[in-house]
Each structure stands twice: as structure tokens, then as C-alpha cells.
């Protein structure tokens, strides 16, 4: 369950606690069961998509370290996931070229790199090969 949905359920519990006169024990039990069901459902969805969940968790951890805020980290995660895959591969291509240029130790290597940068096609091919290798590795699903 997302933090936002969990907050909504907690709000209902709080409302019930404030209005003790009209609340029955069965109402509280019903809310607890709904809360447990939602939690269990969320876990099952993540377990059925374990590789996605693991990668999402890694990315979220990196965002939290960078932004120092769960709320901002989640917002950035949503923004990045809205970009289409070809846009992500284009960004990866630019990043690889930028890193290569930053790592060049002498002028000759830098000139060669400028003449032969990473192409979108090479990055796309490598990305899909790597993604398929990761998807095929059964140890990633445990």
C-alpha cells in the first residue's frame, strides 16, 4: 500500500477514535480487517512482480539518499516513470557520452571519443540485451 493510502486508512481510524460514542467494536474490527487485507494485497502484487519491485526499491533508495525526503523521492520516481522507454534510452545515451568525456585522461583519447560517441542504436541494443539477461536470470526473482 502506498504511504498515501496508508495515511487515509489511519485517518479513518482517528475519526473513529474521536467519535467513541457511535462506534461499535465490530466497526473497529472491520476497519482492521480492511487494513490487513490492503496490506496483504499490496505485498502479493509486489511479490508477483518481484524484479520490478526490487528495481523500484533500489531506485527509490537512491532518490531518498539524493533528495533526503521520501515525498520528493517518490515524486521524482513518478516523473521518471512517466517518460517513455525511448526517452529513457536517449537520456542513458547522453549520460554515457558525458561520462566517457569526463573520464578521458589525455587529449588523444578525448578526440577519438568525440569522433565516435555512443549512438542511440548501440545503447538501445545494449540496454535490451542487458535487460533480457537480467530478466532471464532466475536468481533475480528470489
C-alpha atoms as a PDB file:
ATOM      1  CA  UNK A   1       0.000   0.000   0.000  1.00  0.00           C
ATOM      2  CA  UNK A   2       1.301   3.438  -0.763  1.00  0.00           C
ATOM      3  CA  UNK A   3       2.104   5.793   2.070  1.00  0.00           C
ATOM      4  CA  UNK A   4      -0.763   7.999   0.937  1.00  0.00           C
ATOM      5  CA  UNK A   5      -3.354   5.200   1.106  1.00  0.00           C
ATOM      6  CA  UNK A   6      -1.983   4.100   4.479  1.00  0.00           C
ATOM      7  CA  UNK A   7      -2.448   7.677   5.699  1.00  0.00           C
ATOM      8  CA  UNK A   8      -6.086   7.615   4.535  1.00  0.00           C
ATOM      9  CA  UNK A   9      -6.773   4.400   6.454  1.00  0.00           C
ATOM     10  CA  UNK A  10      -5.091   5.885   9.543  1.00  0.00           C
ATOM     11  CA  UNK A  11      -7.307   8.940   9.194  1.00  0.00           C
ATOM     12  CA  UNK A  12     -10.425   6.763   9.297  1.00  0.00           C
ATOM     13  CA  UNK A  13      -9.120   5.072  12.459  1.00  0.00           C
ATOM     14  CA  UNK A  14      -8.523   8.503  14.013  1.00  0.00           C
ATOM     15  CA  UNK A  15     -12.025   9.657  13.114  1.00  0.00           C
ATOM     16  CA  UNK A  16     -13.467   6.567  14.758  1.00  0.00           C
ATOM     17  CA  UNK A  17     -11.385   7.123  17.901  1.00  0.00           C
ATOM     18  CA  UNK A  18     -12.619  10.719  18.215  1.00  0.00           C
ATOM     19  CA  UNK A  19     -16.246   9.661  17.976  1.00  0.00           C
ATOM     20  CA  UNK A  20     -16.252   6.813  20.514  1.00  0.00           C
ATOM     21  CA  UNK A  21     -19.966   7.136  21.356  1.00  0.00           C
ATOM     22  CA  UNK A  22     -21.227   5.948  17.958  1.00  0.00           C
ATOM     23  CA  UNK A  23     -18.542   3.382  17.235  1.00  0.00           C
ATOM     24  CA  UNK A  24     -19.039  -0.315  17.787  1.00  0.00           C
ATOM     25  CA  UNK A  25     -16.339  -2.869  18.426  1.00  0.00           C
ATOM     26  CA  UNK A  26     -17.361  -4.613  15.175  1.00  0.00           C
ATOM     27  CA  UNK A  27     -16.665  -1.376  13.234  1.00  0.00           C
ATOM     28  CA  UNK A  28     -13.109  -1.268  14.558  1.00  0.00           C
ATOM     29  CA  UNK A  29     -12.597  -4.945  13.732  1.00  0.00           C
ATOM     30  CA  UNK A  30     -13.951  -4.367  10.212  1.00  0.00           C
ATOM     31  CA  UNK A  31     -11.508  -1.491   9.675  1.00  0.00           C
ATOM     32  CA  UNK A  32      -8.613  -3.583  10.981  1.00  0.00           C
ATOM     33  CA  UNK A  33      -9.541  -6.394   8.584  1.00  0.00           C
ATOM     34  CA  UNK A  34      -9.738  -3.980   5.653  1.00  0.00           C
ATOM     35  CA  UNK A  35      -6.338  -2.543   6.589  1.00  0.00           C
ATOM     36  CA  UNK A  36      -4.797  -6.033   6.820  1.00  0.00           C
ATOM     37  CA  UNK A  37      -6.366  -7.055   3.507  1.00  0.00           C
ATOM     38  CA  UNK A  38      -4.976  -3.988   1.740  1.00  0.00           C
ATOM     39  CA  UNK A  39      -1.507  -4.625   3.203  1.00  0.00           C
ATOM     40  CA  UNK A  40      -1.564  -8.291   2.167  1.00  0.00           C
ATOM     41  CA  UNK A  41      -2.841  -7.434  -1.321  1.00  0.00           C
ATOM     42  CA  UNK A  42      -0.032  -4.875  -1.761  1.00  0.00           C
ATOM     43  CA  UNK A  43       2.583  -7.433  -0.747  1.00  0.00           C
ATOM     44  CA  UNK A  44       1.162 -10.028  -3.140  1.00  0.00           C
ATOM     45  CA  UNK A  45       1.182  -7.615  -6.077  1.00  0.00           C
ATOM     46  CA  UNK A  46       4.830  -6.780  -5.374  1.00  0.00           C
ATOM     47  CA  UNK A  47       5.745 -10.476  -4.969  1.00  0.00           C
ATOM     48  CA  UNK A  48       4.125 -11.287  -8.315  1.00  0.00           C
ATOM     49  CA  UNK A  49       6.314  -8.576  -9.893  1.00  0.00           C
ATOM     50  CA  UNK A  50       9.394  -9.194  -7.764  1.00  0.00           C
ATOM     51  CA  UNK A  51      12.046  -7.985 -10.191  1.00  0.00           C
ATOM     52  CA  UNK A  52      10.151  -4.748 -10.815  1.00  0.00           C
ATOM     53  CA  UNK A  53       9.671  -4.281  -7.068  1.00  0.00           C
ATOM     54  CA  UNK A  54      13.383  -4.816  -6.372  1.00  0.00           C
ATOM     55  CA  UNK A  55      14.454  -2.346  -9.061  1.00  0.00           C
ATOM     56  CA  UNK A  56      11.868   0.168  -7.880  1.00  0.00           C
ATOM     57  CA  UNK A  57      13.160  -0.168  -4.326  1.00  0.00           C
ATOM     58  CA  UNK A  58      16.759   0.390  -5.454  1.00  0.00           C
ATOM     59  CA  UNK A  59      15.770   3.495  -7.414  1.00  0.00           C
ATOM     60  CA  UNK A  60      13.679   4.813  -4.521  1.00  0.00           C
ATOM     61  CA  UNK A  61      16.605   4.281  -2.115  1.00  0.00           C
ATOM     62  CA  UNK A  62      18.901   6.237  -4.430  1.00  0.00           C
ATOM     63  CA  UNK A  63      16.353   9.047  -4.696  1.00  0.00           C
ATOM     64  CA  UNK A  64      15.937   9.184  -0.914  1.00  0.00           C
ATOM     65  CA  UNK A  65      19.707   9.468  -0.452  1.00  0.00           C
ATOM     66  CA  UNK A  66      19.843  12.216  -3.067  1.00  0.00           C
ATOM     67  CA  UNK A  67      16.737  14.234  -2.104  1.00  0.00           C
ATOM     68  CA  UNK A  68      16.739  13.458   1.668  1.00  0.00           C
ATOM     69  CA  UNK A  69      12.927  13.303   1.510  1.00  0.00           C
ATOM     70  CA  UNK A  70      10.627  10.357   0.848  1.00  0.00           C
ATOM     71  CA  UNK A  71       7.937  12.635  -0.570  1.00  0.00           C
ATOM     72  CA  UNK A  72      10.264  14.285  -3.092  1.00  0.00           C
ATOM     73  CA  UNK A  73      11.919  10.938  -3.896  1.00  0.00           C
ATOM     74  CA  UNK A  74       8.527   9.418  -4.743  1.00  0.00           C
ATOM     75  CA  UNK A  75       7.522  12.447  -6.813  1.00  0.00           C
ATOM     76  CA  UNK A  76      10.738  12.214  -8.846  1.00  0.00           C
ATOM     77  CA  UNK A  77      10.233   8.471  -9.239  1.00  0.00           C
ATOM     78  CA  UNK A  78       6.747   9.077 -10.668  1.00  0.00           C
ATOM     79  CA  UNK A  79       8.124  11.753 -13.016  1.00  0.00           C
ATOM     80  CA  UNK A  80      10.850   9.434 -14.315  1.00  0.00           C
ATOM     81  CA  UNK A  81       8.458   6.507 -14.800  1.00  0.00           C
ATOM     82  CA  UNK A  82       6.174   8.675 -16.921  1.00  0.00           C
ATOM     83  CA  UNK A  83       8.941   9.114 -19.511  1.00  0.00           C
ATOM     84  CA  UNK A  84       8.657   6.599 -22.367  1.00  0.00           C
ATOM     85  CA  UNK A  85      11.373   3.959 -22.652  1.00  0.00           C
ATOM     86  CA  UNK A  86      12.905   5.520 -25.784  1.00  0.00           C
ATOM     87  CA  UNK A  87      13.251   8.797 -23.850  1.00  0.00           C
ATOM     88  CA  UNK A  88      14.986   6.938 -21.021  1.00  0.00           C
ATOM     89  CA  UNK A  89      17.369   5.314 -23.514  1.00  0.00           C
ATOM     90  CA  UNK A  90      18.138   8.739 -25.033  1.00  0.00           C
ATOM     91  CA  UNK A  91      18.978  10.051 -21.543  1.00  0.00           C
ATOM     92  CA  UNK A  92      21.150   6.974 -20.937  1.00  0.00           C
ATOM     93  CA  UNK A  93      22.965   7.646 -24.221  1.00  0.00           C
ATOM     94  CA  UNK A  94      23.677  11.254 -23.200  1.00  0.00           C
ATOM     95  CA  UNK A  95      24.874  10.132 -19.757  1.00  0.00           C
ATOM     96  CA  UNK A  96      27.238   7.535 -21.221  1.00  0.00           C
ATOM     97  CA  UNK A  97      28.740  10.083 -23.606  1.00  0.00           C
ATOM     98  CA  UNK A  98      29.121  12.642 -20.820  1.00  0.00           C
ATOM     99  CA  UNK A  99      30.818  10.132 -18.512  1.00  0.00           C
ATOM    100  CA  UNK A 100      33.150   8.962 -21.269  1.00  0.00           C
ATOM    101  CA  UNK A 101      34.243  12.528 -21.905  1.00  0.00           C
ATOM    102  CA  UNK A 102      34.794  13.183 -18.203  1.00  0.00           C
ATOM    103  CA  UNK A 103      36.923  10.052 -17.832  1.00  0.00           C
ATOM    104  CA  UNK A 104      39.281  10.682 -20.733  1.00  0.00           C
ATOM    105  CA  UNK A 105      42.832  11.041 -19.422  1.00  0.00           C
ATOM    106  CA  UNK A 106      44.541  12.586 -22.411  1.00  0.00           C
ATOM    107  CA  UNK A 107      43.670  14.731 -25.370  1.00  0.00           C
ATOM    108  CA  UNK A 108      44.096  11.958 -27.953  1.00  0.00           C
ATOM    109  CA  UNK A 109      41.522   9.710 -26.241  1.00  0.00           C
ATOM    110  CA  UNK A 110      39.146  12.625 -25.908  1.00  0.00           C
ATOM    111  CA  UNK A 111      39.384  13.465 -29.617  1.00  0.00           C
ATOM    112  CA  UNK A 112      38.723   9.830 -30.523  1.00  0.00           C
ATOM    113  CA  UNK A 113      35.706   9.750 -28.229  1.00  0.00           C
ATOM    114  CA  UNK A 114      34.322  12.967 -29.695  1.00  0.00           C
ATOM    115  CA  UNK A 115      34.567  11.432 -33.160  1.00  0.00           C
ATOM    116  CA  UNK A 116      32.886   8.169 -32.098  1.00  0.00           C
ATOM    117  CA  UNK A 117      30.322   8.822 -29.321  1.00  0.00           C
ATOM    118  CA  UNK A 118      27.761   6.341 -28.066  1.00  0.00           C
ATOM    119  CA  UNK A 119      24.875   6.154 -30.522  1.00  0.00           C
ATOM    120  CA  UNK A 120      21.261   5.703 -29.558  1.00  0.00           C
ATOM    121  CA  UNK A 121      21.174   2.461 -31.560  1.00  0.00           C
ATOM    122  CA  UNK A 122      24.193   0.963 -29.720  1.00  0.00           C
ATOM    123  CA  UNK A 123      22.826   1.975 -26.330  1.00  0.00           C
ATOM    124  CA  UNK A 124      19.365   0.659 -27.178  1.00  0.00           C
ATOM    125  CA  UNK A 125      20.775  -2.696 -28.314  1.00  0.00           C
ATOM    126  CA  UNK A 126      22.974  -2.982 -25.213  1.00  0.00           C
ATOM    127  CA  UNK A 127      20.107  -1.952 -22.959  1.00  0.00           C
ATOM    128  CA  UNK A 128      17.741  -4.601 -24.327  1.00  0.00           C
ATOM    129  CA  UNK A 129      20.448  -7.275 -24.166  1.00  0.00           C
ATOM    130  CA  UNK A 130      21.204  -6.362 -20.543  1.00  0.00           C
ATOM    131  CA  UNK A 131      17.514  -6.146 -19.647  1.00  0.00           C
ATOM    132  CA  UNK A 132      16.884  -9.589 -21.148  1.00  0.00           C
ATOM    133  CA  UNK A 133      19.883 -11.057 -19.317  1.00  0.00           C
ATOM    134  CA  UNK A 134      18.513  -9.670 -16.047  1.00  0.00           C
ATOM    135  CA  UNK A 135      15.008 -10.975 -16.818  1.00  0.00           C
ATOM    136  CA  UNK A 136      16.337 -14.443 -17.679  1.00  0.00           C
ATOM    137  CA  UNK A 137      18.436 -14.802 -14.507  1.00  0.00           C
ATOM    138  CA  UNK A 138      16.192 -16.768 -12.171  1.00  0.00           C
ATOM    139  CA  UNK A 139      18.220 -15.715  -9.133  1.00  0.00           C
ATOM    140  CA  UNK A 140      16.847 -12.168  -9.582  1.00  0.00           C
ATOM    141  CA  UNK A 141      13.414 -13.482  -8.622  1.00  0.00           C
ATOM    142  CA  UNK A 142      14.263 -14.656  -5.136  1.00  0.00           C
END
